[in-house]
Amino acid sequence: TGFDYRSGLLVGKGRNYGLNLMFRKNKGYIKGYMSYTLG
C-alpha cells in the first residue's frame, strides 16, 4: 500500500514504572558492578 509516516499511528497515554537496582564494588583486586531493572 505504500507508506506515509502519519498513517498507522496510535496516539494515547502511557505509564512507565519499575525498580532499578545497582550493586558496585569500587576497590580491590576485582572491581565491577551488577545492575538489574524490573520495569
All heavy atoms as atom14 arrays in JSON, in Angstrom:
{
  "sequence": "TGFDYRSGLLVGKGRNYGLNLMFRKNKGYIKGYMSYTLG",
  "atom14_mask": [
    [1, 1, 1, 1, 1, 1, 1, 0, 0, 0, 0, 0, 0, 0],
    [1, 1, 1, 1, 0, 0, 0, 0, 0, 0, 0, 0, 0, 0],
    [1, 1, 1, 1, 1, 1, 1, 1, 1, 1, 1, 0, 0, 0],
    [1, 1, 1, 1, 1, 1, 1, 1, 0, 0, 0, 0, 0, 0],
    [1, 1, 1, 1, 1, 1, 1, 1, 1, 1, 1, 1, 0, 0],
    [1, 1, 1, 1, 1, 1, 1, 1, 1, 1, 1, 0, 0, 0],
    [1, 1, 1, 1, 1, 1, 0, 0, 0, 0, 0, 0, 0, 0],
    [1, 1, 1, 1, 0, 0, 0, 0, 0, 0, 0, 0, 0, 0],
    [1, 1, 1, 1, 1, 1, 1, 1, 0, 0, 0, 0, 0, 0],
    [1, 1, 1, 1, 1, 1, 1, 1, 0, 0, 0, 0, 0, 0],
    [1, 1, 1, 1, 1, 1, 1, 0, 0, 0, 0, 0, 0, 0],
    [1, 1, 1, 1, 0, 0, 0, 0, 0, 0, 0, 0, 0, 0],
    [1, 1, 1, 1, 1, 1, 1, 1, 1, 0, 0, 0, 0, 0],
    [1, 1, 1, 1, 0, 0, 0, 0, 0, 0, 0, 0, 0, 0],
    [1, 1, 1, 1, 1, 1, 1, 1, 1, 1, 1, 0, 0, 0],
    [1, 1, 1, 1, 1, 1, 1, 1, 0, 0, 0, 0, 0, 0],
    [1, 1, 1, 1, 1, 1, 1, 1, 1, 1, 1, 1, 0, 0],
    [1, 1, 1, 1, 0, 0, 0, 0, 0, 0, 0, 0, 0, 0],
    [1, 1, 1, 1, 1, 1, 1, 1, 0, 0, 0, 0, 0, 0],
    [1, 1, 1, 1, 1, 1, 1, 1, 0, 0, 0, 0, 0, 0],
    [1, 1, 1, 1, 1, 1, 1, 1, 0, 0, 0, 0, 0, 0],
    [1, 1, 1, 1, 1, 1, 1, 1, 0, 0, 0, 0, 0, 0],
    [1, 1, 1, 1, 1, 1, 1, 1, 1, 1, 1, 0, 0, 0],
    [1, 1, 1, 1, 1, 1, 1, 1, 1, 1, 1, 0, 0, 0],
    [1, 1, 1, 1, 1, 1, 1, 1, 1, 0, 0, 0, 0, 0],
    [1, 1, 1, 1, 1, 1, 1, 1, 0, 0, 0, 0, 0, 0],
    [1, 1, 1, 1, 1, 1, 1, 1, 1, 0, 0, 0, 0, 0],
    [1, 1, 1, 1, 0, 0, 0, 0, 0, 0, 0, 0, 0, 0],
    [1, 1, 1, 1, 1, 1, 1, 1, 1, 1, 1, 1, 0, 0],
    [1, 1, 1, 1, 1, 1, 1, 1, 0, 0, 0, 0, 0, 0],
    [1, 1, 1, 1, 1, 1, 1, 1, 1, 0, 0, 0, 0, 0],
    [1, 1, 1, 1, 0, 0, 0, 0, 0, 0, 0, 0, 0, 0],
    [1, 1, 1, 1, 1, 1, 1, 1, 1, 1, 1, 1, 0, 0],
    [1, 1, 1, 1, 1, 1, 1, 1, 0, 0, 0, 0, 0, 0],
    [1, 1, 1, 1, 1, 1, 0, 0, 0, 0, 0, 0, 0, 0],
    [1, 1, 1, 1, 1, 1, 1, 1, 1, 1, 1, 1, 0, 0],
    [1, 1, 1, 1, 1, 1, 1, 0, 0, 0, 0, 0, 0, 0],
    [1, 1, 1, 1, 1, 1, 1, 1, 0, 0, 0, 0, 0, 0],
    [1, 1, 1, 1, 0, 0, 0, 0, 0, 0, 0, 0, 0, 0]
  ],
  "atom14_positions": [
    [[0.79, -1.22, 0.0], [0.0, 0.0, 0.0], [0.83, 1.27, 0.0], [0.27, 2.37, -0.03], [-0.92, 0.03, 1.24], [-0.11, 0.05, 2.43], [-1.83, -1.19, 1.26], [0.0, 0.0, 0.0], [0.0, 0.0, 0.0], [0.0, 0.0, 0.0], [0.0, 0.0, 0.0], [0.0, 0.0, 0.0], [0.0, 0.0, 0.0], [0.0, 0.0, 0.0]],
    [[2.16, 1.2, 0.05], [2.95, 2.4, 0.19], [3.02, 2.83, 1.63], [2.5, 2.17, 2.53], [0.0, 0.0, 0.0], [0.0, 0.0, 0.0], [0.0, 0.0, 0.0], [0.0, 0.0, 0.0], [0.0, 0.0, 0.0], [0.0, 0.0, 0.0], [0.0, 0.0, 0.0], [0.0, 0.0, 0.0], [0.0, 0.0, 0.0], [0.0, 0.0, 0.0]],
    [[3.64, 3.97, 1.89], [3.88, 4.36, 3.27], [3.76, 5.86, 3.45], [4.24, 6.65, 2.64], [5.28, 3.9, 3.73], [5.6, 4.3, 5.14], [4.98, 3.68, 6.21], [6.51, 5.3, 5.39], [5.28, 4.05, 7.52], [6.82, 5.68, 6.69], [6.2, 5.05, 7.75], [0.0, 0.0, 0.0], [0.0, 0.0, 0.0], [0.0, 0.0, 0.0]],
    [[3.11, 6.25, 4.53], [3.07, 7.62, 5.0], [3.26, 7.55, 6.51], [2.48, 6.89, 7.21], [1.74, 8.28, 4.65], [1.68, 9.75, 5.07], [2.52, 10.17, 5.89], [0.79, 10.47, 4.59], [0.0, 0.0, 0.0], [0.0, 0.0, 0.0], [0.0, 0.0, 0.0], [0.0, 0.0, 0.0], [0.0, 0.0, 0.0], [0.0, 0.0, 0.0]],
    [[4.32, 8.2, 7.03], [4.64, 8.05, 8.45], [3.5, 8.53, 9.34], [3.41, 8.16, 10.51], [5.93, 8.79, 8.79], [5.8, 10.3, 8.92], [5.54, 10.87, 10.15], [5.93, 11.13, 7.81], [5.42, 12.25, 10.29], [5.81, 12.5, 7.93], [5.56, 13.06, 9.17], [5.44, 14.43, 9.29], [0.0, 0.0, 0.0], [0.0, 0.0, 0.0]],
    [[2.58, 9.35, 8.82], [1.47, 9.84, 9.62], [0.32, 8.85, 9.69], [-0.58, 8.99, 10.52], [0.97, 11.17, 9.04], [1.98, 12.3, 9.14], [1.57, 13.49, 8.31], [1.5, 13.15, 6.88], [1.26, 14.03, 5.91], [1.04, 15.29, 6.21], [1.23, 13.64, 4.66], [0.0, 0.0, 0.0], [0.0, 0.0, 0.0], [0.0, 0.0, 0.0]],
    [[0.33, 7.83, 8.81], [-0.73, 6.82, 8.84], [-0.31, 5.67, 9.74], [0.87, 5.41, 9.95], [-1.01, 6.3, 7.43], [0.11, 5.61, 6.93], [0.0, 0.0, 0.0], [0.0, 0.0, 0.0], [0.0, 0.0, 0.0], [0.0, 0.0, 0.0], [0.0, 0.0, 0.0], [0.0, 0.0, 0.0], [0.0, 0.0, 0.0], [0.0, 0.0, 0.0]],
    [[-1.29, 4.97, 10.27], [-1.0, 3.82, 11.13], [-0.46, 4.19, 12.49], [0.09, 3.34, 13.19], [0.0, 0.0, 0.0], [0.0, 0.0, 0.0], [0.0, 0.0, 0.0], [0.0, 0.0, 0.0], [0.0, 0.0, 0.0], [0.0, 0.0, 0.0], [0.0, 0.0, 0.0], [0.0, 0.0, 0.0], [0.0, 0.0, 0.0], [0.0, 0.0, 0.0]],
    [[-0.61, 5.46, 12.91], [-0.1, 5.87, 14.22], [-1.18, 5.74, 15.29], [-2.34, 6.07, 15.06], [0.38, 7.32, 14.17], [1.61, 7.62, 13.32], [1.94, 9.1, 13.39], [2.81, 6.79, 13.74], [0.0, 0.0, 0.0], [0.0, 0.0, 0.0], [0.0, 0.0, 0.0], [0.0, 0.0, 0.0], [0.0, 0.0, 0.0], [0.0, 0.0, 0.0]],
    [[-0.79, 5.26, 16.44], [-1.64, 5.21, 17.62], [-1.19, 6.31, 18.57], [-0.01, 6.4, 18.91], [-1.54, 3.85, 18.31], [-1.96, 2.63, 17.49], [-1.57, 1.35, 18.24], [-3.45, 2.65, 17.21], [0.0, 0.0, 0.0], [0.0, 0.0, 0.0], [0.0, 0.0, 0.0], [0.0, 0.0, 0.0], [0.0, 0.0, 0.0], [0.0, 0.0, 0.0]],
    [[-2.11, 7.16, 18.99], [-1.8, 8.25, 19.9], [-2.6, 8.05, 21.18], [-3.82, 7.88, 21.13], [-2.11, 9.62, 19.28], [-1.73, 10.74, 20.24], [-1.38, 9.79, 17.95], [0.0, 0.0, 0.0], [0.0, 0.0, 0.0], [0.0, 0.0, 0.0], [0.0, 0.0, 0.0], [0.0, 0.0, 0.0], [0.0, 0.0, 0.0], [0.0, 0.0, 0.0]],
    [[-1.94, 8.06, 22.31], [-2.65, 7.83, 23.56], [-1.83, 8.2, 24.77], [-0.97, 9.1, 24.73], [0.0, 0.0, 0.0], [0.0, 0.0, 0.0], [0.0, 0.0, 0.0], [0.0, 0.0, 0.0], [0.0, 0.0, 0.0], [0.0, 0.0, 0.0], [0.0, 0.0, 0.0], [0.0, 0.0, 0.0], [0.0, 0.0, 0.0], [0.0, 0.0, 0.0]],
    [[-2.06, 7.48, 25.86], [-1.38, 7.73, 27.13], [-0.5, 6.54, 27.49], [-0.67, 5.44, 26.96], [-2.4, 8.0, 28.23], [-3.24, 9.24, 27.99], [-4.28, 9.45, 29.09], [-5.38, 8.4, 29.04], [-6.45, 8.67, 30.02], [0.0, 0.0, 0.0], [0.0, 0.0, 0.0], [0.0, 0.0, 0.0], [0.0, 0.0, 0.0], [0.0, 0.0, 0.0]],
    [[0.42, 6.77, 28.4], [1.32, 5.7, 28.8], [1.67, 5.76, 30.27], [1.54, 6.8, 30.92], [0.0, 0.0, 0.0], [0.0, 0.0, 0.0], [0.0, 0.0, 0.0], [0.0, 0.0, 0.0], [0.0, 0.0, 0.0], [0.0, 0.0, 0.0], [0.0, 0.0, 0.0], [0.0, 0.0, 0.0], [0.0, 0.0, 0.0], [0.0, 0.0, 0.0]],
    [[2.12, 4.63, 30.78], [2.62, 4.53, 32.15], [3.88, 3.69, 32.16], [3.86, 2.53, 31.72], [1.57, 3.91, 33.08], [0.46, 4.87, 33.48], [-0.55, 4.22, 34.38], [-1.63, 5.14, 34.72], [-2.76, 4.79, 35.32], [-2.95, 3.51, 35.67], [-3.69, 5.69, 35.58], [0.0, 0.0, 0.0], [0.0, 0.0, 0.0], [0.0, 0.0, 0.0]],
    [[4.97, 4.27, 32.63], [6.22, 3.55, 32.83], [6.51, 3.51, 34.33], [6.47, 4.55, 35.0], [7.38, 4.26, 32.12], [7.21, 4.3, 30.61], [6.33, 3.66, 30.06], [8.05, 5.06, 29.95], [0.0, 0.0, 0.0], [0.0, 0.0, 0.0], [0.0, 0.0, 0.0], [0.0, 0.0, 0.0], [0.0, 0.0, 0.0], [0.0, 0.0, 0.0]],
    [[6.8, 2.34, 34.85], [7.1, 2.23, 36.27], [7.97, 1.0, 36.51], [7.97, 0.05, 35.7], [5.82, 2.14, 37.11], [4.83, 1.09, 36.65], [4.85, -0.2, 37.19], [3.88, 1.37, 35.68], [3.94, -1.16, 36.79], [2.96, 0.42, 35.27], [3.0, -0.84, 35.81], [2.11, -1.79, 35.4], [0.0, 0.0, 0.0], [0.0, 0.0, 0.0]],
    [[8.71, 1.05, 37.6], [9.57, -0.09, 37.88], [10.59, 0.2, 38.95], [10.49, 1.17, 39.72], [0.0, 0.0, 0.0], [0.0, 0.0, 0.0], [0.0, 0.0, 0.0], [0.0, 0.0, 0.0], [0.0, 0.0, 0.0], [0.0, 0.0, 0.0], [0.0, 0.0, 0.0], [0.0, 0.0, 0.0], [0.0, 0.0, 0.0], [0.0, 0.0, 0.0]],
    [[11.63, -0.64, 38.99], [12.66, -0.61, 40.03], [14.02, -0.79, 39.38], [14.22, -1.71, 38.57], [12.42, -1.72, 41.05], [13.5, -1.98, 42.09], [13.62, -0.79, 43.04], [13.22, -3.26, 42.87], [0.0, 0.0, 0.0], [0.0, 0.0, 0.0], [0.0, 0.0, 0.0], [0.0, 0.0, 0.0], [0.0, 0.0, 0.0], [0.0, 0.0, 0.0]],
    [[14.96, 0.11, 39.72], [16.36, 0.0, 39.28], [17.23, -0.31, 40.48], [17.17, 0.39, 41.5], [16.83, 1.3, 38.62], [16.07, 1.63, 37.36], [15.74, 0.75, 36.57], [15.8, 2.91, 37.14], [0.0, 0.0, 0.0], [0.0, 0.0, 0.0], [0.0, 0.0, 0.0], [0.0, 0.0, 0.0], [0.0, 0.0, 0.0], [0.0, 0.0, 0.0]],
    [[18.06, -1.34, 40.36], [18.98, -1.71, 41.42], [20.4, -1.78, 40.87], [20.61, -2.23, 39.74], [18.62, -3.08, 42.01], [17.23, -3.24, 42.64], [17.0, -4.7, 43.02], [17.08, -2.34, 43.86], [0.0, 0.0, 0.0], [0.0, 0.0, 0.0], [0.0, 0.0, 0.0], [0.0, 0.0, 0.0], [0.0, 0.0, 0.0], [0.0, 0.0, 0.0]],
    [[21.37, -1.34, 41.68], [22.77, -1.47, 41.28], [23.63, -1.71, 42.51], [23.52, -1.01, 43.52], [23.27, -0.23, 40.54], [24.77, -0.29, 40.2], [25.38, 1.06, 39.18], [24.72, 0.57, 37.59], [0.0, 0.0, 0.0], [0.0, 0.0, 0.0], [0.0, 0.0, 0.0], [0.0, 0.0, 0.0], [0.0, 0.0, 0.0], [0.0, 0.0, 0.0]],
    [[24.5, -2.71, 42.4], [25.48, -3.02, 43.44], [26.86, -2.9, 42.8], [27.12, -3.49, 41.75], [25.27, -4.42, 43.99], [26.29, -4.83, 45.02], [26.2, -4.36, 46.32], [27.33, -5.67, 44.68], [27.14, -4.72, 47.27], [28.27, -6.04, 45.63], [28.17, -5.56, 46.93], [0.0, 0.0, 0.0], [0.0, 0.0, 0.0], [0.0, 0.0, 0.0]],
    [[27.75, -2.11, 43.42], [29.05, -1.82, 42.82], [30.17, -2.11, 43.82], [30.06, -1.78, 45.0], [29.12, -0.36, 42.39], [30.38, 0.04, 41.65], [30.39, 1.53, 41.34], [29.33, 1.89, 40.42], [29.44, 1.86, 39.1], [30.58, 1.48, 38.55], [28.44, 2.23, 38.34], [0.0, 0.0, 0.0], [0.0, 0.0, 0.0], [0.0, 0.0, 0.0]],
    [[31.25, -2.7, 43.32], [32.48, -2.88, 44.1], [33.51, -1.91, 43.54], [33.93, -2.02, 42.38], [32.99, -4.32, 44.01], [34.16, -4.61, 44.95], [34.51, -6.09, 44.91], [35.59, -6.41, 45.96], [36.88, -5.78, 45.61], [0.0, 0.0, 0.0], [0.0, 0.0, 0.0], [0.0, 0.0, 0.0], [0.0, 0.0, 0.0], [0.0, 0.0, 0.0]],
    [[33.91, -0.93, 44.34], [34.72, 0.18, 43.87], [36.21, 0.01, 44.1], [37.0, 0.7, 43.45], [34.27, 1.48, 44.56], [32.79, 1.75, 44.36], [32.3, 1.82, 43.25], [32.06, 1.89, 45.47], [0.0, 0.0, 0.0], [0.0, 0.0, 0.0], [0.0, 0.0, 0.0], [0.0, 0.0, 0.0], [0.0, 0.0, 0.0], [0.0, 0.0, 0.0]],
    [[36.61, -0.86, 45.02], [38.02, -1.01, 45.35], [38.37, -2.49, 45.42], [37.5, -3.34, 45.55], [38.34, -0.33, 46.7], [38.0, 1.15, 46.75], [38.25, 1.72, 48.14], [37.83, 3.18, 48.22], [38.04, 3.74, 49.59], [0.0, 0.0, 0.0], [0.0, 0.0, 0.0], [0.0, 0.0, 0.0], [0.0, 0.0, 0.0], [0.0, 0.0, 0.0]],
    [[39.68, -2.78, 45.36], [40.12, -4.15, 45.49], [40.69, -4.72, 44.2], [40.73, -4.06, 43.15], [0.0, 0.0, 0.0], [0.0, 0.0, 0.0], [0.0, 0.0, 0.0], [0.0, 0.0, 0.0], [0.0, 0.0, 0.0], [0.0, 0.0, 0.0], [0.0, 0.0, 0.0], [0.0, 0.0, 0.0], [0.0, 0.0, 0.0], [0.0, 0.0, 0.0]],
    [[41.12, -5.97, 44.27], [41.73, -6.66, 43.13], [40.72, -6.83, 42.0], [41.05, -6.72, 40.82], [42.26, -8.01, 43.59], [42.99, -8.78, 42.51], [44.23, -8.35, 42.04], [42.42, -9.93, 41.96], [44.89, -9.06, 41.05], [43.08, -10.64, 40.97], [44.32, -10.2, 40.52], [44.97, -10.89, 39.54], [0.0, 0.0, 0.0], [0.0, 0.0, 0.0]],
    [[39.48, -7.11, 42.36], [38.4, -7.23, 41.37], [37.38, -6.11, 41.62], [36.88, -5.95, 42.73], [37.71, -8.6, 41.46], [38.71, -9.72, 41.13], [36.52, -8.67, 40.5], [38.12, -11.11, 41.26], [0.0, 0.0, 0.0], [0.0, 0.0, 0.0], [0.0, 0.0, 0.0], [0.0, 0.0, 0.0], [0.0, 0.0, 0.0], [0.0, 0.0, 0.0]],
    [[37.08, -5.35, 40.59], [36.08, -4.3, 40.65], [34.97, -4.63, 39.66], [35.13, -5.46, 38.77], [36.69, -2.94, 40.31], [37.84, -2.52, 41.21], [38.42, -1.2, 40.75], [39.63, -0.8, 41.57], [40.24, 0.46, 41.08], [0.0, 0.0, 0.0], [0.0, 0.0, 0.0], [0.0, 0.0, 0.0], [0.0, 0.0, 0.0], [0.0, 0.0, 0.0]],
    [[33.84, -3.91, 39.8], [32.75, -4.12, 38.86], [31.42, -3.73, 39.45], [31.34, -3.13, 40.53], [0.0, 0.0, 0.0], [0.0, 0.0, 0.0], [0.0, 0.0, 0.0], [0.0, 0.0, 0.0], [0.0, 0.0, 0.0], [0.0, 0.0, 0.0], [0.0, 0.0, 0.0], [0.0, 0.0, 0.0], [0.0, 0.0, 0.0], [0.0, 0.0, 0.0]],
    [[30.37, -4.08, 38.74], [29.03, -3.77, 39.22], [28.03, -4.77, 38.66], [28.29, -5.46, 37.66], [28.62, -2.34, 38.84], [28.42, -2.13, 37.35], [27.2, -2.37, 36.74], [29.46, -1.65, 36.56], [27.01, -2.17, 35.39], [29.29, -1.44, 35.2], [28.06, -1.7, 34.62], [27.88, -1.51, 33.28], [0.0, 0.0, 0.0], [0.0, 0.0, 0.0]],
    [[26.88, -4.84, 39.31], [25.76, -5.64, 38.84], [24.52, -4.75, 38.9], [24.2, -4.2, 39.95], [25.57, -6.89, 39.7], [24.38, -7.75, 39.26], [24.28, -9.33, 40.15], [24.03, -8.74, 41.83], [0.0, 0.0, 0.0], [0.0, 0.0, 0.0], [0.0, 0.0, 0.0], [0.0, 0.0, 0.0], [0.0, 0.0, 0.0], [0.0, 0.0, 0.0]],
    [[23.84, -4.62, 37.79], [22.63, -3.8, 37.74], [21.46, -4.65, 37.26], [21.62, -5.53, 36.41], [22.81, -2.6, 36.82], [22.92, -3.0, 35.46], [0.0, 0.0, 0.0], [0.0, 0.0, 0.0], [0.0, 0.0, 0.0], [0.0, 0.0, 0.0], [0.0, 0.0, 0.0], [0.0, 0.0, 0.0], [0.0, 0.0, 0.0], [0.0, 0.0, 0.0]],
    [[20.29, -4.37, 37.82], [19.08, -5.1, 37.46], [17.92, -4.11, 37.39], [17.76, -3.25, 38.26], [18.77, -6.19, 38.48], [17.41, -6.83, 38.29], [17.16, -7.68, 37.21], [16.37, -6.57, 39.18], [15.91, -8.25, 37.02], [15.12, -7.14, 39.0], [14.9, -7.97, 37.93], [13.66, -8.53, 37.73], [0.0, 0.0, 0.0], [0.0, 0.0, 0.0]],
    [[17.14, -4.23, 36.35], [15.96, -3.39, 36.17], [14.74, -4.27, 36.0], [14.73, -5.19, 35.17], [16.11, -2.48, 34.94], [17.22, -1.61, 35.14], [14.86, -1.65, 34.74], [0.0, 0.0, 0.0], [0.0, 0.0, 0.0], [0.0, 0.0, 0.0], [0.0, 0.0, 0.0], [0.0, 0.0, 0.0], [0.0, 0.0, 0.0], [0.0, 0.0, 0.0]],
    [[13.71, -3.99, 36.79], [12.4, -4.6, 36.64], [11.45, -3.48, 36.23], [11.21, -2.55, 37.02], [11.96, -5.24, 37.96], [10.53, -5.8, 38.0], [10.38, -6.97, 37.03], [10.16, -6.22, 39.41], [0.0, 0.0, 0.0], [0.0, 0.0, 0.0], [0.0, 0.0, 0.0], [0.0, 0.0, 0.0], [0.0, 0.0, 0.0], [0.0, 0.0, 0.0]],
    [[10.94, -3.54, 35.02], [10.18, -2.4, 34.52], [8.99, -2.78, 33.67], [8.95, -3.86, 33.06], [0.0, 0.0, 0.0], [0.0, 0.0, 0.0], [0.0, 0.0, 0.0], [0.0, 0.0, 0.0], [0.0, 0.0, 0.0], [0.0, 0.0, 0.0], [0.0, 0.0, 0.0], [0.0, 0.0, 0.0], [0.0, 0.0, 0.0], [0.0, 0.0, 0.0]]
  ]
}
